[in-house]
Amino acid sequence: MLAEAGLIAFVPTTDLDRAKKFYAGTLGLTLRSVNQFACVFDANGTMLRVTAVSAVTPQPFTVLGWAVPDIYAAARDLAGAGIQLERFDGLDQDETGVWTAPDGDLVAWFHDPDGNRLSIAQFG
Protein backbone atom coordinates (compact mmCIF):
# COMPACT_ATOMS: atom_id res chain seq x y z
CA MET A 1 0.00 0.00 0.00
CA LEU A 2 2.78 2.49 0.85
CA ALA A 3 5.60 0.92 -1.16
CA GLU A 4 5.58 3.78 -3.66
CA ALA A 5 5.20 6.57 -1.08
CA GLY A 6 8.09 8.67 0.20
CA LEU A 7 9.23 8.11 3.75
CA ILE A 8 9.21 10.99 6.24
CA ALA A 9 11.35 10.72 9.37
CA PHE A 10 10.52 12.55 12.61
CA VAL A 11 12.67 13.45 15.60
CA PRO A 12 11.62 15.64 18.57
CA THR A 13 13.25 18.79 19.89
CA THR A 14 12.50 21.29 22.61
CA ASP A 15 14.42 24.05 20.81
CA LEU A 16 13.95 24.52 17.06
CA ASP A 17 16.77 27.06 16.74
CA ARG A 18 19.25 24.74 18.45
CA ALA A 19 18.06 21.80 16.35
CA LYS A 20 18.37 23.85 13.16
CA LYS A 21 21.98 24.71 14.03
CA PHE A 22 22.80 21.08 14.75
CA TYR A 23 21.10 19.35 11.83
CA ALA A 24 21.97 22.00 9.22
CA GLY A 25 25.11 23.58 10.61
CA THR A 26 26.80 20.60 12.24
CA LEU A 27 25.49 17.62 10.26
CA GLY A 28 25.15 19.52 6.98
CA LEU A 29 21.57 18.63 6.10
CA THR A 30 19.77 21.00 3.75
CA LEU A 31 17.18 23.09 5.55
CA ARG A 32 13.98 23.25 3.49
CA SER A 33 11.65 25.19 5.78
CA VAL A 34 11.04 26.34 9.33
CA ASN A 35 7.79 27.20 11.05
CA GLN A 36 6.59 27.20 14.65
CA PHE A 37 6.05 23.44 14.54
CA ALA A 38 9.15 22.02 12.86
CA CYS A 39 12.37 22.44 10.96
CA VAL A 40 12.18 20.45 7.73
CA PHE A 41 15.38 19.06 6.25
CA ASP A 42 16.30 17.14 3.13
CA ALA A 43 18.27 14.12 4.33
CA ASN A 44 19.52 12.94 0.93
CA GLY A 45 16.00 12.60 -0.47
CA THR A 46 14.21 11.72 2.76
CA MET A 47 12.24 14.42 4.51
CA LEU A 48 13.30 14.84 8.13
CA ARG A 49 10.91 16.83 10.31
CA VAL A 50 12.53 17.93 13.55
CA THR A 51 9.36 18.64 15.47
CA ALA A 52 8.89 21.02 18.39
CA VAL A 53 7.67 19.34 21.56
CA SER A 54 7.42 20.50 25.17
CA ALA A 55 9.71 17.74 26.49
CA VAL A 56 11.93 15.06 24.99
CA THR A 57 12.38 11.70 26.65
CA PRO A 58 15.48 10.21 25.04
CA GLN A 59 14.97 6.59 24.06
CA PRO A 60 17.49 3.83 24.80
CA PHE A 61 17.65 2.95 21.10
CA THR A 62 18.64 4.66 17.86
CA VAL A 63 15.91 6.94 16.53
CA LEU A 64 17.70 8.11 13.38
CA GLY A 65 20.67 6.76 11.48
CA TRP A 66 22.70 7.18 8.33
CA ALA A 67 24.32 4.55 6.11
CA VAL A 68 27.78 5.84 5.23
CA PRO A 69 30.36 4.46 2.78
CA ASP A 70 33.30 4.97 5.18
CA ILE A 71 32.41 4.97 8.87
CA TYR A 72 35.88 6.05 9.95
CA ALA A 73 35.79 9.11 7.71
CA ALA A 74 32.30 9.92 9.01
CA ALA A 75 33.49 9.46 12.60
CA ARG A 76 36.41 11.83 11.96
CA ASP A 77 34.03 14.39 10.45
CA LEU A 78 31.73 14.14 13.47
CA ALA A 79 34.67 14.50 15.85
CA GLY A 80 35.87 17.51 13.88
CA ALA A 81 32.42 19.05 14.40
CA GLY A 82 32.71 18.52 18.16
CA ILE A 83 30.51 15.43 18.32
CA GLN A 84 31.65 12.66 20.63
CA LEU A 85 30.76 9.08 19.78
CA GLU A 86 28.91 7.21 22.50
CA ARG A 87 30.54 4.31 24.30
CA PHE A 88 28.66 1.42 25.88
CA ASP A 89 29.83 -0.75 28.75
CA GLY A 90 30.16 -4.35 27.60
CA LEU A 91 30.15 -3.51 23.89
CA ASP A 92 33.48 -4.15 22.17
CA GLN A 93 34.05 -0.83 20.38
CA ASP A 94 37.38 0.12 18.86
CA GLU A 95 39.43 3.17 19.84
CA THR A 96 37.26 5.48 17.70
CA GLY A 97 34.01 4.17 19.21
CA VAL A 98 33.02 1.98 16.25
CA TRP A 99 31.43 -1.40 17.00
CA THR A 100 31.75 -4.35 14.64
CA ALA A 101 28.52 -6.36 14.58
CA PRO A 102 28.69 -10.16 14.33
CA ASP A 103 27.83 -9.92 10.61
CA GLY A 104 30.68 -7.46 10.00
CA ASP A 105 28.60 -4.28 9.79
CA LEU A 106 30.16 -1.26 11.53
CA VAL A 107 28.09 1.03 13.76
CA ALA A 108 28.73 4.09 15.93
CA TRP A 109 26.34 6.22 17.95
CA PHE A 110 26.09 9.86 18.99
CA HIS A 111 23.46 12.26 20.32
CA ASP A 112 21.74 15.37 19.08
CA PRO A 113 21.36 18.33 21.48
CA ASP A 114 18.08 16.89 22.83
CA GLY A 115 19.69 13.56 23.70
CA ASN A 116 18.15 11.64 20.79
CA ARG A 117 20.42 8.71 19.94
CA LEU A 118 21.63 8.85 16.33
CA SER A 119 23.91 6.49 14.46
CA ILE A 120 26.17 6.02 11.49
CA ALA A 121 26.61 2.58 9.95
CA GLN A 122 28.73 1.00 7.25
CA PHE A 123 27.10 -2.14 5.94
CA GLY A 124 29.20 -5.02 4.65
C-alpha atoms as a PDB file:
ATOM      1  CA  MET A   1       0.000   0.000   0.000  1.00  0.00           C
ATOM      2  CA  LEU A   2       2.781   2.493   0.853  1.00  0.00           C
ATOM      3  CA  ALA A   3       5.595   0.916  -1.156  1.00  0.00           C
ATOM      4  CA  GLU A   4       5.579   3.783  -3.660  1.00  0.00           C
ATOM      5  CA  ALA A   5       5.204   6.571  -1.080  1.00  0.00           C
ATOM      6  CA  GLY A   6       8.094   8.667   0.196  1.00  0.00           C
ATOM      7  CA  LEU A   7       9.235   8.105   3.748  1.00  0.00           C
ATOM      8  CA  ILE A   8       9.207  10.985   6.243  1.00  0.00           C
ATOM      9  CA  ALA A   9      11.348  10.723   9.373  1.00  0.00           C
ATOM     10  CA  PHE A  10      10.519  12.552  12.614  1.00  0.00           C
ATOM     11  CA  VAL A  11      12.665  13.452  15.600  1.00  0.00           C
ATOM     12  CA  PRO A  12      11.615  15.638  18.567  1.00  0.00           C
ATOM     13  CA  THR A  13      13.250  18.787  19.891  1.00  0.00           C
ATOM     14  CA  THR A  14      12.503  21.286  22.610  1.00  0.00           C
ATOM     15  CA  ASP A  15      14.424  24.048  20.809  1.00  0.00           C
ATOM     16  CA  LEU A  16      13.945  24.518  17.061  1.00  0.00           C
ATOM     17  CA  ASP A  17      16.766  27.057  16.742  1.00  0.00           C
ATOM     18  CA  ARG A  18      19.246  24.740  18.449  1.00  0.00           C
ATOM     19  CA  ALA A  19      18.059  21.799  16.347  1.00  0.00           C
ATOM     20  CA  LYS A  20      18.372  23.854  13.158  1.00  0.00           C
ATOM     21  CA  LYS A  21      21.981  24.712  14.026  1.00  0.00           C
ATOM     22  CA  PHE A  22      22.799  21.076  14.751  1.00  0.00           C
ATOM     23  CA  TYR A  23      21.102  19.346  11.829  1.00  0.00           C
ATOM     24  CA  ALA A  24      21.969  22.000   9.216  1.00  0.00           C
ATOM     25  CA  GLY A  25      25.110  23.584  10.613  1.00  0.00           C
ATOM     26  CA  THR A  26      26.799  20.603  12.245  1.00  0.00           C
ATOM     27  CA  LEU A  27      25.493  17.622  10.257  1.00  0.00           C
ATOM     28  CA  GLY A  28      25.153  19.525   6.977  1.00  0.00           C
ATOM     29  CA  LEU A  29      21.570  18.625   6.097  1.00  0.00           C
ATOM     30  CA  THR A  30      19.772  21.001   3.747  1.00  0.00           C
ATOM     31  CA  LEU A  31      17.179  23.093   5.550  1.00  0.00           C
ATOM     32  CA  ARG A  32      13.980  23.253   3.487  1.00  0.00           C
ATOM     33  CA  SER A  33      11.653  25.189   5.776  1.00  0.00           C
ATOM     34  CA  VAL A  34      11.037  26.336   9.332  1.00  0.00           C
ATOM     35  CA  ASN A  35       7.789  27.199  11.053  1.00  0.00           C
ATOM     36  CA  GLN A  36       6.591  27.202  14.651  1.00  0.00           C
ATOM     37  CA  PHE A  37       6.051  23.441  14.541  1.00  0.00           C
ATOM     38  CA  ALA A  38       9.154  22.017  12.859  1.00  0.00           C
ATOM     39  CA  CYS A  39      12.370  22.437  10.958  1.00  0.00           C
ATOM     40  CA  VAL A  40      12.179  20.447   7.734  1.00  0.00           C
ATOM     41  CA  PHE A  41      15.376  19.060   6.251  1.00  0.00           C
ATOM     42  CA  ASP A  42      16.295  17.139   3.133  1.00  0.00           C
ATOM     43  CA  ALA A  43      18.269  14.120   4.327  1.00  0.00           C
ATOM     44  CA  ASN A  44      19.516  12.938   0.931  1.00  0.00           C
ATOM     45  CA  GLY A  45      16.001  12.598  -0.475  1.00  0.00           C
ATOM     46  CA  THR A  46      14.211  11.719   2.757  1.00  0.00           C
ATOM     47  CA  MET A  47      12.240  14.417   4.510  1.00  0.00           C
ATOM     48  CA  LEU A  48      13.302  14.844   8.127  1.00  0.00           C
ATOM     49  CA  ARG A  49      10.910  16.831  10.306  1.00  0.00           C
ATOM     50  CA  VAL A  50      12.528  17.932  13.552  1.00  0.00           C
ATOM     51  CA  THR A  51       9.356  18.635  15.471  1.00  0.00           C
ATOM     52  CA  ALA A  52       8.893  21.023  18.387  1.00  0.00           C
ATOM     53  CA  VAL A  53       7.665  19.342  21.565  1.00  0.00           C
ATOM     54  CA  SER A  54       7.421  20.503  25.167  1.00  0.00           C
ATOM     55  CA  ALA A  55       9.705  17.740  26.490  1.00  0.00           C
ATOM     56  CA  VAL A  56      11.929  15.061  24.991  1.00  0.00           C
ATOM     57  CA  THR A  57      12.376  11.701  26.654  1.00  0.00           C
ATOM     58  CA  PRO A  58      15.479  10.208  25.041  1.00  0.00           C
ATOM     59  CA  GLN A  59      14.965   6.595  24.062  1.00  0.00           C
ATOM     60  CA  PRO A  60      17.488   3.829  24.796  1.00  0.00           C
ATOM     61  CA  PHE A  61      17.645   2.946  21.099  1.00  0.00           C
ATOM     62  CA  THR A  62      18.637   4.661  17.864  1.00  0.00           C
ATOM     63  CA  VAL A  63      15.913   6.944  16.533  1.00  0.00           C
ATOM     64  CA  LEU A  64      17.697   8.106  13.378  1.00  0.00           C
ATOM     65  CA  GLY A  65      20.674   6.762  11.482  1.00  0.00           C
ATOM     66  CA  TRP A  66      22.700   7.185   8.328  1.00  0.00           C
ATOM     67  CA  ALA A  67      24.319   4.554   6.111  1.00  0.00           C
ATOM     68  CA  VAL A  68      27.784   5.837   5.231  1.00  0.00           C
ATOM     69  CA  PRO A  69      30.360   4.455   2.778  1.00  0.00           C
ATOM     70  CA  ASP A  70      33.299   4.973   5.183  1.00  0.00           C
ATOM     71  CA  ILE A  71      32.409   4.967   8.867  1.00  0.00           C
ATOM     72  CA  TYR A  72      35.881   6.047   9.950  1.00  0.00           C
ATOM     73  CA  ALA A  73      35.793   9.115   7.707  1.00  0.00           C
ATOM     74  CA  ALA A  74      32.298   9.925   9.006  1.00  0.00           C
ATOM     75  CA  ALA A  75      33.489   9.461  12.604  1.00  0.00           C
ATOM     76  CA  ARG A  76      36.415  11.831  11.957  1.00  0.00           C
ATOM     77  CA  ASP A  77      34.030  14.387  10.447  1.00  0.00           C
ATOM     78  CA  LEU A  78      31.729  14.139  13.470  1.00  0.00           C
ATOM     79  CA  ALA A  79      34.671  14.496  15.853  1.00  0.00           C
ATOM     80  CA  GLY A  80      35.866  17.513  13.881  1.00  0.00           C
ATOM     81  CA  ALA A  81      32.420  19.046  14.395  1.00  0.00           C
ATOM     82  CA  GLY A  82      32.712  18.515  18.156  1.00  0.00           C
ATOM     83  CA  ILE A  83      30.513  15.430  18.321  1.00  0.00           C
ATOM     84  CA  GLN A  84      31.655  12.659  20.627  1.00  0.00           C
ATOM     85  CA  LEU A  85      30.761   9.075  19.777  1.00  0.00           C
ATOM     86  CA  GLU A  86      28.905   7.211  22.499  1.00  0.00           C
ATOM     87  CA  ARG A  87      30.543   4.313  24.303  1.00  0.00           C
ATOM     88  CA  PHE A  88      28.664   1.424  25.878  1.00  0.00           C
ATOM     89  CA  ASP A  89      29.831  -0.755  28.754  1.00  0.00           C
ATOM     90  CA  GLY A  90      30.161  -4.348  27.603  1.00  0.00           C
ATOM     91  CA  LEU A  91      30.154  -3.513  23.890  1.00  0.00           C
ATOM     92  CA  ASP A  92      33.478  -4.147  22.169  1.00  0.00           C
ATOM     93  CA  GLN A  93      34.050  -0.827  20.383  1.00  0.00           C
ATOM     94  CA  ASP A  94      37.380   0.122  18.856  1.00  0.00           C
ATOM     95  CA  GLU A  95      39.434   3.170  19.843  1.00  0.00           C
ATOM     96  CA  THR A  96      37.258   5.483  17.705  1.00  0.00           C
ATOM     97  CA  GLY A  97      34.011   4.168  19.208  1.00  0.00           C
ATOM     98  CA  VAL A  98      33.015   1.979  16.254  1.00  0.00           C
ATOM     99  CA  TRP A  99      31.431  -1.400  17.000  1.00  0.00           C
ATOM    100  CA  THR A 100      31.750  -4.349  14.642  1.00  0.00           C
ATOM    101  CA  ALA A 101      28.517  -6.359  14.584  1.00  0.00           C
ATOM    102  CA  PRO A 102      28.687 -10.163  14.332  1.00  0.00           C
ATOM    103  CA  ASP A 103      27.828  -9.924  10.607  1.00  0.00           C
ATOM    104  CA  GLY A 104      30.683  -7.462   9.996  1.00  0.00           C
ATOM    105  CA  ASP A 105      28.601  -4.283   9.787  1.00  0.00           C
ATOM    106  CA  LEU A 106      30.157  -1.264  11.531  1.00  0.00           C
ATOM    107  CA  VAL A 107      28.090   1.032  13.758  1.00  0.00           C
ATOM    108  CA  ALA A 108      28.731   4.092  15.932  1.00  0.00           C
ATOM    109  CA  TRP A 109      26.339   6.224  17.946  1.00  0.00           C
ATOM    110  CA  PHE A 110      26.092   9.855  18.988  1.00  0.00           C
ATOM    111  CA  HIS A 111      23.456  12.256  20.321  1.00  0.00           C
ATOM    112  CA  ASP A 112      21.735  15.372  19.081  1.00  0.00           C
ATOM    113  CA  PRO A 113      21.361  18.331  21.480  1.00  0.00           C
ATOM    114  CA  ASP A 114      18.075  16.892  22.831  1.00  0.00           C
ATOM    115  CA  GLY A 115      19.688  13.561  23.698  1.00  0.00           C
ATOM    116  CA  ASN A 116      18.147  11.638  20.792  1.00  0.00           C
ATOM    117  CA  ARG A 117      20.420   8.711  19.939  1.00  0.00           C
ATOM    118  CA  LEU A 118      21.627   8.849  16.327  1.00  0.00           C
ATOM    119  CA  SER A 119      23.914   6.487  14.461  1.00  0.00           C
ATOM    120  CA  ILE A 120      26.171   6.020  11.486  1.00  0.00           C
ATOM    121  CA  ALA A 121      26.608   2.582   9.954  1.00  0.00           C
ATOM    122  CA  GLN A 122      28.733   1.001   7.253  1.00  0.00           C
ATOM    123  CA  PHE A 123      27.097  -2.140   5.937  1.00  0.00           C
ATOM    124  CA  GLY A 124      29.201  -5.025   4.653  1.00  0.00           C
END
